[in-house]
Amino acid sequence: MNIHFIAIGGSAMHNLAIALHNGGHIITGSDDQIFEPSRGRLALQGLLPEAEGWYSEKVHEGLDAIILGMHARADNPELARAQELELPIFSYPEFLYEISKTMTRVVIAGSHGKTTTTAMVLHVMNHVGQPTNYMVGAQLEGFDCMVELESGSEFMVMEGDEYLSSPIDLRPKFHLYRPNITVITGIAWDHINVFPTFDSYVDQFRKYLETIEPGGALIYNEQDPVLVKLVEETAAPVKTFGYGLPAFEIVDGQTFIETEEGMMPLQVFGEHNLSNLEAARWICLEMGVQEEAFYDAILSFTGAQNRMEVFKSGSQVKVFRDFAHAPSKVGASVKALKEQFGKVRAVLELHTFSSLNPEFLPQYRGTMDAADEAWVYFSPDAVAHKKLPALSAEDVANAFGSEVRVFDSSESLQIALENPSTIKAMALMSSGNFGGIDLEATLAKY
């Protein structure tokens, strides 16, 4: 097939482009901004556009399909040309569904833990020698490309993101996959710019349950009362399996879980990761992996990239990078860090539209309470760029409702970070880059 990508630089889009290119398809693409690692990875495959921008002449009658990314706008000139030529236009999730129609689709959904749970499943499948097709939204260690379509497996494992599909298809992505097996890790309000109320957000998961193939398997976190209520109310003709936390203990900074073979040490920690582990175990059982093989494999799982990933293991302090930014994720990460290491510092950057919105900020109340040192950084420039009402340091401190230290400049944050204090561990939590601070140099004393 001859396929053109509009907004090829996205984290998921560029991986799909590379996977299709590796499968022998002819791939072209455009984007007005392409950042690393997408830029370097596309260049390596000869798929990097010669120039950034949109060029309607790239869209012609010889194309078999257009794949439209969310980064493009509804008035994109290449999209307009494709519509004029009446070419087949697919959103990213639409295309994934089309190519996985004959497979058993396994979808990992939920407000948090999707990437880690998916990473656990793929780690186990690799360990037991069962290759599978997959789509993951983040880069995982040991994987060259985060989309695989040619493994020959009957399974297609996908992250089920609830964000919108494309600028002309405003359905949540996970509504399009029609899973045979799915897990929902939990529901916590996010994407306030799209779902302005908690009820409107929860409703997307209610609708998602109706998309599960009849007779399919629904695995759900029974510790989430909102999710439990949805499962109890659904009339979807599916099998349901609830999961909680495995029995575990923490000994000298090491987490052990209880199995039939005895207590086994893990390389990840925190109740949120233990919950993810249970979700992954249920999925793998549905995919035919024996429980003993699952535990044997999961012992070597070190985590997903930027999900409480070790950034620096110094002589004084262990430093983690964590993608946590939504309130539920922040609370879980801070709690896990405290339980594992004792005296800790949590540093959060408010970077997303939701986190910088004054109406949403109170959702963070209490999320940093477990930390001995709770720091929050935001950039007034980022607030202005997102065209949100101005924020003050006092606004942020009041919203968190605890003794948080607020920074509104990267320079002041950098100076504070240079001192390791007497903490044992620190988590740097952000989907951004802390205003471009050189963290390697800043944390030299750690």
Protein backbone atom coordinates (compact mmCIF):
# COMPACT_ATOMS: atom_id res chain seq x y z
CA MET A 1 0.00 0.00 0.00
CA ASN A 2 0.99 3.61 -0.61
CA ILE A 3 0.18 5.44 2.64
CA HIS A 4 0.61 9.10 3.61
CA PHE A 5 0.77 10.25 7.25
CA ILE A 6 -0.52 13.70 8.16
CA ALA A 7 1.31 14.52 11.45
CA ILE A 8 3.89 11.74 11.15
CA GLY A 9 5.98 13.03 14.07
CA GLY A 10 3.69 11.94 16.89
CA SER A 11 4.96 9.37 19.39
CA ALA A 12 2.45 6.77 18.19
CA MET A 13 2.20 7.93 14.58
CA HIS A 14 5.91 7.67 13.79
CA ASN A 15 6.06 4.17 15.25
CA LEU A 16 3.16 3.05 13.05
CA ALA A 17 4.84 4.63 10.02
CA ILE A 18 8.07 2.75 10.75
CA ALA A 19 6.23 -0.54 11.31
CA LEU A 20 4.38 -0.23 7.99
CA HIS A 21 7.61 0.76 6.23
CA ASN A 22 9.30 -2.33 7.66
CA GLY A 23 6.36 -4.37 6.40
CA GLY A 24 7.07 -3.30 2.81
CA HIS A 25 4.56 -0.48 2.40
CA ILE A 26 5.42 2.85 0.73
CA ILE A 27 5.26 5.55 3.40
CA THR A 28 5.34 9.34 3.13
CA GLY A 29 4.50 11.93 5.74
CA SER A 30 4.31 15.55 6.85
CA ASP A 31 4.37 17.52 10.09
CA ASP A 32 4.96 21.11 11.13
CA GLN A 33 7.01 20.10 14.21
CA ILE A 34 9.01 16.92 14.76
CA PHE A 35 10.99 16.45 17.97
CA GLU A 36 13.31 13.76 19.25
CA PRO A 37 13.19 10.82 19.46
CA SER A 38 10.71 10.79 16.56
CA ARG A 39 12.99 12.90 14.35
CA GLY A 40 16.04 10.66 14.66
CA ARG A 41 14.07 7.44 14.35
CA LEU A 42 12.26 8.62 11.20
CA ALA A 43 15.54 9.83 9.70
CA LEU A 44 17.16 6.44 10.32
CA GLN A 45 14.42 4.79 8.26
CA GLY A 46 14.51 7.41 5.51
CA LEU A 47 11.02 8.62 6.45
CA LEU A 48 11.82 12.10 7.82
CA PRO A 49 10.07 14.77 5.69
CA GLU A 50 12.53 16.95 3.76
CA ALA A 51 10.99 20.07 5.27
CA GLU A 52 8.58 20.73 8.09
CA GLY A 53 5.14 22.02 7.16
CA TRP A 54 2.04 20.96 5.24
CA TYR A 55 2.17 20.47 1.45
CA SER A 56 -1.06 19.64 -0.35
CA GLU A 57 0.92 18.39 -3.38
CA LYS A 58 2.04 15.41 -1.26
CA VAL A 59 -1.55 14.16 -1.40
CA HIS A 60 -2.45 12.60 -4.76
CA GLU A 61 -4.71 10.01 -6.38
CA GLY A 62 -2.00 7.34 -6.20
CA LEU A 63 -2.37 7.03 -2.43
CA ASP A 64 -4.23 4.05 -1.00
CA ALA A 65 -4.80 5.61 2.42
CA ILE A 66 -4.29 8.68 4.58
CA ILE A 67 -3.57 8.27 8.30
CA LEU A 68 -4.49 11.45 10.17
CA GLY A 69 -2.89 12.30 13.50
CA MET A 70 -4.40 14.32 16.32
CA HIS A 71 -1.66 16.96 16.04
CA ALA A 72 -3.09 18.14 12.70
CA ARG A 73 -5.97 20.60 12.64
CA ALA A 74 -9.34 20.18 10.95
CA ASP A 75 -8.41 22.85 8.38
CA ASN A 76 -5.11 21.17 7.43
CA PRO A 77 -4.40 21.75 3.69
CA GLU A 78 -3.28 18.14 3.15
CA LEU A 79 -6.47 16.86 4.78
CA ALA A 80 -8.54 19.21 2.61
CA ARG A 81 -6.84 17.82 -0.51
CA ALA A 82 -7.44 14.23 0.62
CA GLN A 83 -11.12 15.00 1.19
CA GLU A 84 -11.35 16.64 -2.23
CA LEU A 85 -9.88 13.51 -3.86
CA GLU A 86 -12.18 11.30 -1.72
CA LEU A 87 -9.23 9.23 -0.51
CA PRO A 88 -9.72 6.76 2.37
CA ILE A 89 -8.87 8.70 5.56
CA PHE A 90 -8.20 6.80 8.79
CA SER A 91 -7.47 8.00 12.27
CA TYR A 92 -4.66 6.14 14.01
CA PRO A 93 -7.01 3.88 16.02
CA GLU A 94 -9.27 3.27 13.01
CA PHE A 95 -6.33 1.97 11.03
CA LEU A 96 -5.15 -0.24 13.89
CA TYR A 97 -8.60 -1.78 14.10
CA GLU A 98 -8.71 -2.41 10.36
CA ILE A 99 -5.42 -4.31 10.36
CA SER A 100 -6.27 -6.28 13.52
CA LYS A 101 -9.81 -7.37 12.57
CA THR A 102 -8.77 -11.01 12.23
CA MET A 103 -6.70 -11.01 15.46
CA THR A 104 -7.64 -11.39 19.11
CA ARG A 105 -7.48 -7.77 20.26
CA VAL A 106 -6.16 -7.24 23.80
CA VAL A 107 -6.67 -3.65 25.01
CA ILE A 108 -5.20 -2.17 28.22
CA ALA A 109 -7.36 0.80 29.24
CA GLY A 110 -7.68 3.04 32.29
CA SER A 111 -6.69 6.50 33.48
CA HIS A 112 -3.36 5.27 34.84
CA GLY A 113 -0.99 2.34 34.52
CA LYS A 114 -1.70 1.59 30.84
CA THR A 115 1.88 1.80 29.62
CA THR A 116 3.38 -0.10 32.56
CA THR A 117 0.76 -2.86 32.36
CA THR A 118 1.26 -3.18 28.60
CA ALA A 119 5.02 -3.25 29.10
CA MET A 120 4.65 -6.04 31.67
CA VAL A 121 2.53 -8.10 29.28
CA LEU A 122 5.00 -7.70 26.42
CA HIS A 123 7.93 -8.46 28.73
CA VAL A 124 6.28 -11.71 29.80
CA MET A 125 5.34 -12.72 26.25
CA ASN A 126 8.94 -12.15 25.11
CA HIS A 127 10.29 -14.08 28.10
CA VAL A 128 8.11 -17.13 27.38
CA GLY A 129 8.96 -17.03 23.68
CA GLN A 130 5.51 -16.08 22.38
CA PRO A 131 5.86 -13.11 20.00
CA THR A 132 2.81 -10.89 19.67
CA ASN A 133 1.65 -7.88 17.70
CA TYR A 134 1.39 -4.68 19.72
CA MET A 135 0.99 -0.93 19.93
CA VAL A 136 2.42 1.02 22.86
CA GLY A 137 2.37 4.80 23.25
CA ALA A 138 5.76 5.09 24.98
CA GLN A 139 9.22 3.74 24.22
CA LEU A 140 10.06 0.55 26.11
CA GLU A 141 13.51 -0.79 26.84
CA GLY A 142 14.54 -3.57 24.46
CA PHE A 143 12.11 -2.55 21.69
CA ASP A 144 13.24 -0.78 18.51
CA CYS A 145 9.72 0.10 17.41
CA MET A 146 6.63 0.38 19.58
CA VAL A 147 4.31 -1.00 16.89
CA GLU A 148 4.59 -4.59 15.66
CA LEU A 149 2.26 -5.91 12.98
CA GLU A 150 4.18 -8.81 11.45
CA SER A 151 4.87 -11.22 14.33
CA GLY A 152 2.47 -13.86 13.03
CA SER A 153 0.71 -13.97 16.41
CA GLU A 154 -3.06 -14.27 16.77
CA PHE A 155 -2.92 -11.49 19.39
CA MET A 156 -2.78 -7.71 19.01
CA VAL A 157 -1.96 -5.97 22.32
CA MET A 158 -2.83 -2.25 22.42
CA GLU A 159 -2.91 0.61 24.87
CA GLY A 160 -6.46 1.95 25.06
CA ASP A 161 -6.14 5.72 25.27
CA GLU A 162 -9.32 7.67 26.06
CA TYR A 163 -8.13 10.82 24.24
CA LEU A 164 -9.69 11.87 20.92
CA SER A 165 -8.93 9.98 17.70
CA SER A 166 -8.32 12.78 15.20
CA PRO A 167 -9.33 16.39 14.49
CA ILE A 168 -12.26 15.12 12.40
CA ASP A 169 -13.11 12.12 14.60
CA LEU A 170 -13.80 13.23 18.16
CA ARG A 171 -14.43 9.73 19.53
CA PRO A 172 -12.01 8.49 22.21
CA LYS A 173 -9.41 6.18 20.66
CA PHE A 174 -10.36 3.18 22.75
CA HIS A 175 -13.95 3.25 21.48
CA LEU A 176 -12.67 2.05 18.09
CA TYR A 177 -10.71 -1.09 19.03
CA ARG A 178 -13.57 -3.50 19.93
CA PRO A 179 -11.46 -5.67 22.25
CA ASN A 180 -11.83 -9.41 22.79
CA ILE A 181 -9.89 -9.11 26.05
CA THR A 182 -9.56 -5.89 27.99
CA VAL A 183 -8.40 -4.61 31.34
CA ILE A 184 -9.44 -1.32 32.94
CA THR A 185 -6.90 -0.27 35.56
CA GLY A 186 -9.00 2.48 37.14
CA ILE A 187 -10.81 5.74 36.48
CA ALA A 188 -9.51 9.14 37.59
CA TRP A 189 -10.61 12.37 35.89
CA ASP A 190 -8.21 13.60 33.23
CA HIS A 191 -8.22 15.56 29.93
CA ILE A 192 -10.36 18.38 31.33
CA ASN A 193 -10.01 20.25 28.01
CA VAL A 194 -12.04 17.49 26.33
CA PHE A 195 -14.13 16.12 29.21
CA PRO A 196 -15.05 19.18 31.31
CA THR A 197 -16.81 17.22 34.06
CA PHE A 198 -16.00 14.02 35.91
CA ASP A 199 -19.31 12.50 34.77
CA SER A 200 -18.54 13.19 31.11
CA TYR A 201 -15.17 11.49 31.57
CA VAL A 202 -16.64 8.44 33.32
CA ASP A 203 -19.22 8.15 30.57
CA GLN A 204 -16.45 7.37 28.06
CA PHE A 205 -15.62 4.23 30.03
CA ARG A 206 -19.31 3.30 30.26
CA LYS A 207 -19.50 3.49 26.46
CA TYR A 208 -16.23 1.57 26.17
CA LEU A 209 -17.73 -1.44 27.98
CA GLU A 210 -20.36 -1.61 25.24
CA THR A 211 -17.65 -1.97 22.57
CA ILE A 212 -16.21 -5.21 24.00
CA GLU A 213 -16.89 -8.12 21.64
CA PRO A 214 -19.74 -10.36 22.90
CA GLY A 215 -18.33 -13.18 24.99
CA GLY A 216 -15.12 -11.25 25.57
CA ALA A 217 -13.23 -10.91 28.83
CA LEU A 218 -13.33 -7.77 31.02
CA ILE A 219 -10.63 -7.61 33.71
CA TYR A 220 -11.11 -4.72 36.13
CA ASN A 221 -9.59 -3.17 39.26
CA GLU A 222 -12.06 -4.05 42.00
CA GLN A 223 -10.43 -1.50 44.34
CA ASP A 224 -11.85 1.36 42.25
CA PRO A 225 -15.47 2.01 43.39
CA VAL A 226 -16.34 4.10 40.31
CA LEU A 227 -15.17 1.33 38.00
CA VAL A 228 -16.86 -1.39 40.05
CA LYS A 229 -20.17 0.49 39.76
CA LEU A 230 -19.82 0.70 35.96
CA VAL A 231 -19.08 -3.02 35.72
CA GLU A 232 -22.04 -3.89 37.93
CA GLU A 233 -24.36 -1.72 35.83
CA THR A 234 -23.25 -2.82 32.36
CA ALA A 235 -25.44 -5.09 30.28
CA ALA A 236 -22.52 -6.02 28.01
CA PRO A 237 -22.47 -9.81 27.42
CA VAL A 238 -18.92 -10.36 28.68
CA LYS A 239 -17.05 -12.40 31.29
CA THR A 240 -15.79 -10.28 34.19
CA PHE A 241 -12.76 -10.81 36.42
CA GLY A 242 -11.95 -8.46 39.31
CA TYR A 243 -8.44 -8.10 40.72
CA GLY A 244 -6.87 -6.41 43.73
CA LEU A 245 -3.37 -6.36 45.21
CA PRO A 246 -1.18 -9.43 45.65
CA ALA A 247 0.16 -10.19 49.13
CA PHE A 248 3.48 -8.38 49.52
CA GLU A 249 6.02 -7.02 51.98
CA ILE A 250 8.86 -4.51 51.88
CA VAL A 251 12.15 -5.61 53.44
CA ASP A 252 15.18 -3.26 53.47
CA GLY A 253 13.90 -1.26 50.49
CA GLN A 254 13.01 -4.38 48.46
CA THR A 255 9.46 -5.40 47.56
CA PHE A 256 8.55 -9.10 47.67
CA ILE A 257 5.29 -10.67 46.45
CA GLU A 258 3.78 -13.90 47.66
CA THR A 259 3.46 -16.73 45.12
CA GLU A 260 2.93 -20.49 45.31
CA GLU A 261 6.71 -20.78 45.00
CA GLY A 262 7.22 -18.51 48.01
CA MET A 263 8.12 -14.82 48.40
CA MET A 264 9.71 -13.42 45.22
CA PRO A 265 11.65 -10.11 44.87
CA LEU A 266 10.53 -7.49 42.36
CA GLN A 267 12.52 -4.75 40.64
CA VAL A 268 9.53 -2.38 40.68
CA PHE A 269 7.75 -1.04 43.75
CA GLY A 270 4.60 0.69 44.94
CA GLU A 271 1.01 -0.48 45.29
CA HIS A 272 0.14 1.03 41.91
CA ASN A 273 2.75 -1.21 40.24
CA LEU A 274 1.57 -4.23 42.21
CA SER A 275 -1.93 -3.49 40.91
CA ASN A 276 -0.52 -3.21 37.37
CA LEU A 277 1.21 -6.54 37.90
CA GLU A 278 -2.07 -8.23 38.84
CA ALA A 279 -3.74 -6.76 35.75
CA ALA A 280 -0.89 -8.05 33.58
CA ARG A 281 -1.12 -11.50 35.21
CA TRP A 282 -4.81 -11.80 34.36
CA ILE A 283 -4.18 -10.70 30.77
CA CYS A 284 -1.34 -13.18 30.33
CA LEU A 285 -3.49 -15.99 31.73
CA GLU A 286 -6.14 -15.12 29.12
CA MET A 287 -3.37 -15.23 26.47
CA GLY A 288 -2.39 -18.75 27.50
CA VAL A 289 0.62 -18.09 29.77
CA GLN A 290 0.86 -20.33 32.82
CA GLU A 291 1.01 -18.57 36.21
CA GLU A 292 4.41 -20.05 37.11
CA ALA A 293 5.84 -18.79 33.81
CA PHE A 294 4.35 -15.35 34.44
CA TYR A 295 6.07 -14.99 37.82
CA ASP A 296 9.35 -16.30 36.44
CA ALA A 297 9.24 -13.61 33.75
CA ILE A 298 8.00 -10.67 35.84
CA LEU A 299 10.94 -10.90 38.28
CA SER A 300 13.22 -9.39 35.62
CA PHE A 301 10.85 -6.54 34.70
CA THR A 302 12.52 -3.21 35.52
CA GLY A 303 9.71 -0.86 34.51
CA ALA A 304 8.59 1.22 31.55
CA GLN A 305 10.59 4.22 30.38
CA ASN A 306 9.93 7.31 32.54
CA ARG A 307 7.61 5.32 34.81
CA MET A 308 9.49 5.58 38.13
CA GLU A 309 12.63 4.86 36.11
CA VAL A 310 16.01 5.14 37.85
CA PHE A 311 17.64 8.36 36.60
CA LYS A 312 20.58 8.45 38.99
CA SER A 313 21.66 5.99 41.64
CA GLY A 314 24.15 8.13 43.55
CA SER A 315 26.05 7.52 46.74
CA GLN A 316 23.60 9.63 48.73
CA VAL A 317 20.25 9.67 46.92
CA LYS A 318 18.40 7.48 44.43
CA VAL A 319 16.70 9.67 41.82
CA PHE A 320 13.74 8.56 39.66
CA ARG A 321 12.11 10.09 36.60
CA ASP A 322 8.37 9.56 36.49
CA PHE A 323 5.79 10.50 33.86
CA ALA A 324 3.20 11.02 36.64
CA HIS A 325 1.23 14.24 36.13
CA ALA A 326 -2.46 13.46 36.75
CA PRO A 327 -3.50 13.66 40.43
CA SER A 328 -4.08 9.93 40.89
CA LYS A 329 -0.69 9.13 39.36
CA VAL A 330 1.10 11.73 41.47
CA GLY A 331 -0.49 10.46 44.68
CA ALA A 332 0.39 6.83 43.88
CA SER A 333 4.00 7.64 42.97
CA VAL A 334 4.65 9.77 46.07
CA LYS A 335 3.10 7.15 48.37
CA ALA A 336 5.17 4.37 46.78
CA LEU A 337 8.40 6.37 47.06
CA LYS A 338 7.77 7.10 50.74
CA GLU A 339 6.93 3.48 51.63
CA GLN A 340 9.97 2.16 49.82
CA PHE A 341 12.69 4.60 50.91
CA GLY A 342 11.64 6.54 54.00
CA LYS A 343 12.74 10.18 53.81
CA VAL A 344 11.94 11.41 50.30
CA ARG A 345 11.52 14.48 48.11
CA ALA A 346 8.84 14.68 45.43
CA VAL A 347 9.22 17.27 42.67
CA LEU A 348 6.24 17.81 40.35
CA GLU A 349 6.06 19.95 37.23
CA LEU A 350 2.60 21.23 36.31
CA HIS A 351 2.81 21.01 32.53
CA THR A 352 -0.44 19.72 31.01
CA PHE A 353 -3.54 21.74 30.18
CA SER A 354 -5.47 20.11 33.01
CA SER A 355 -2.76 20.58 35.65
CA LEU A 356 -2.39 24.29 34.87
CA ASN A 357 -6.12 24.95 34.89
CA PRO A 358 -7.25 26.75 38.10
CA GLU A 359 -10.54 24.83 38.07
CA PHE A 360 -8.75 21.46 37.98
CA LEU A 361 -5.89 22.25 40.38
CA PRO A 362 -7.86 21.35 43.57
CA GLN A 363 -7.88 17.74 42.31
CA TYR A 364 -4.23 17.63 43.51
CA ARG A 365 -5.17 18.33 47.14
CA GLY A 366 -3.27 15.94 49.41
CA THR A 367 -1.42 14.12 46.62
CA MET A 368 2.00 15.28 47.87
CA ASP A 369 1.31 14.84 51.60
CA ALA A 370 3.39 11.66 51.95
CA ALA A 371 6.62 13.39 50.86
CA ASP A 372 9.00 14.87 53.45
CA GLU A 373 9.83 17.59 50.92
CA ALA A 374 7.05 18.39 48.42
CA TRP A 375 8.01 20.75 45.60
CA VAL A 376 5.83 21.97 42.74
CA TYR A 377 7.14 23.85 39.69
CA PHE A 378 5.17 25.64 36.99
CA SER A 379 6.07 28.09 34.25
CA PRO A 380 3.90 31.21 33.89
CA ASP A 381 4.92 31.20 30.21
CA ALA A 382 3.38 27.72 29.80
CA VAL A 383 0.15 28.97 31.40
CA ALA A 384 0.03 31.91 28.98
CA HIS A 385 0.87 29.68 25.99
CA LYS A 386 -2.11 27.46 26.82
CA LYS A 387 -4.26 30.63 27.11
CA LEU A 388 -5.29 29.80 30.65
CA PRO A 389 -5.95 32.26 33.52
CA ALA A 390 -2.78 33.44 35.26
CA LEU A 391 -1.56 31.35 38.20
CA SER A 392 0.38 32.51 41.26
CA ALA A 393 2.56 30.46 43.57
CA GLU A 394 -0.01 31.10 46.29
CA ASP A 395 -2.80 29.70 44.07
CA VAL A 396 -0.83 26.50 43.58
CA ALA A 397 0.07 26.12 47.27
CA ASN A 398 -3.56 26.63 48.30
CA ALA A 399 -4.78 24.08 45.76
CA PHE A 400 -2.43 21.34 47.00
CA GLY A 401 -3.54 21.99 50.56
CA SER A 402 -0.30 20.92 52.21
CA GLU A 403 3.18 22.22 52.93
CA VAL A 404 4.33 22.38 49.33
CA ARG A 405 7.18 24.59 48.19
CA VAL A 406 6.22 26.26 44.92
CA PHE A 407 8.66 27.43 42.21
CA ASP A 408 7.63 29.61 39.28
CA SER A 409 11.04 29.82 37.61
CA SER A 410 13.36 27.05 36.43
CA GLU A 411 16.35 29.01 37.75
CA SER A 412 15.12 28.96 41.34
CA LEU A 413 14.18 25.28 41.04
CA GLN A 414 17.61 24.42 39.70
CA ILE A 415 19.36 26.14 42.62
CA ALA A 416 17.16 24.26 45.11
CA LEU A 417 17.71 20.92 43.37
CA GLU A 418 21.48 21.20 43.68
CA ASN A 419 21.20 20.43 47.41
CA PRO A 420 20.44 16.74 48.14
CA SER A 421 19.56 17.58 51.77
CA THR A 422 19.17 14.43 53.90
CA ILE A 423 16.69 12.59 51.70
CA LYS A 424 17.11 8.97 50.63
CA ALA A 425 15.23 9.17 47.32
CA MET A 426 13.71 11.75 44.98
CA ALA A 427 11.12 11.52 42.21
CA LEU A 428 11.08 14.05 39.37
CA MET A 429 7.53 13.86 38.06
CA SER A 430 6.60 15.49 34.76
CA SER A 431 5.48 14.99 31.18
CA GLY A 432 7.69 18.01 30.36
CA ASN A 433 11.35 18.87 30.99
CA PHE A 434 11.35 21.20 34.04
CA GLY A 435 12.01 24.29 31.96
CA GLY A 436 15.03 22.76 30.23
CA ILE A 437 17.12 22.26 33.38
CA ASP A 438 20.27 20.17 32.82
CA LEU A 439 19.40 17.55 35.40
CA GLU A 440 22.63 15.57 35.02
CA ALA A 441 24.73 18.59 35.98
CA THR A 442 22.27 19.90 38.57
CA LEU A 443 22.20 16.60 40.48
CA ALA A 444 25.98 16.10 40.43
CA LYS A 445 26.17 16.13 44.26
CA TYR A 446 23.70 13.27 44.58
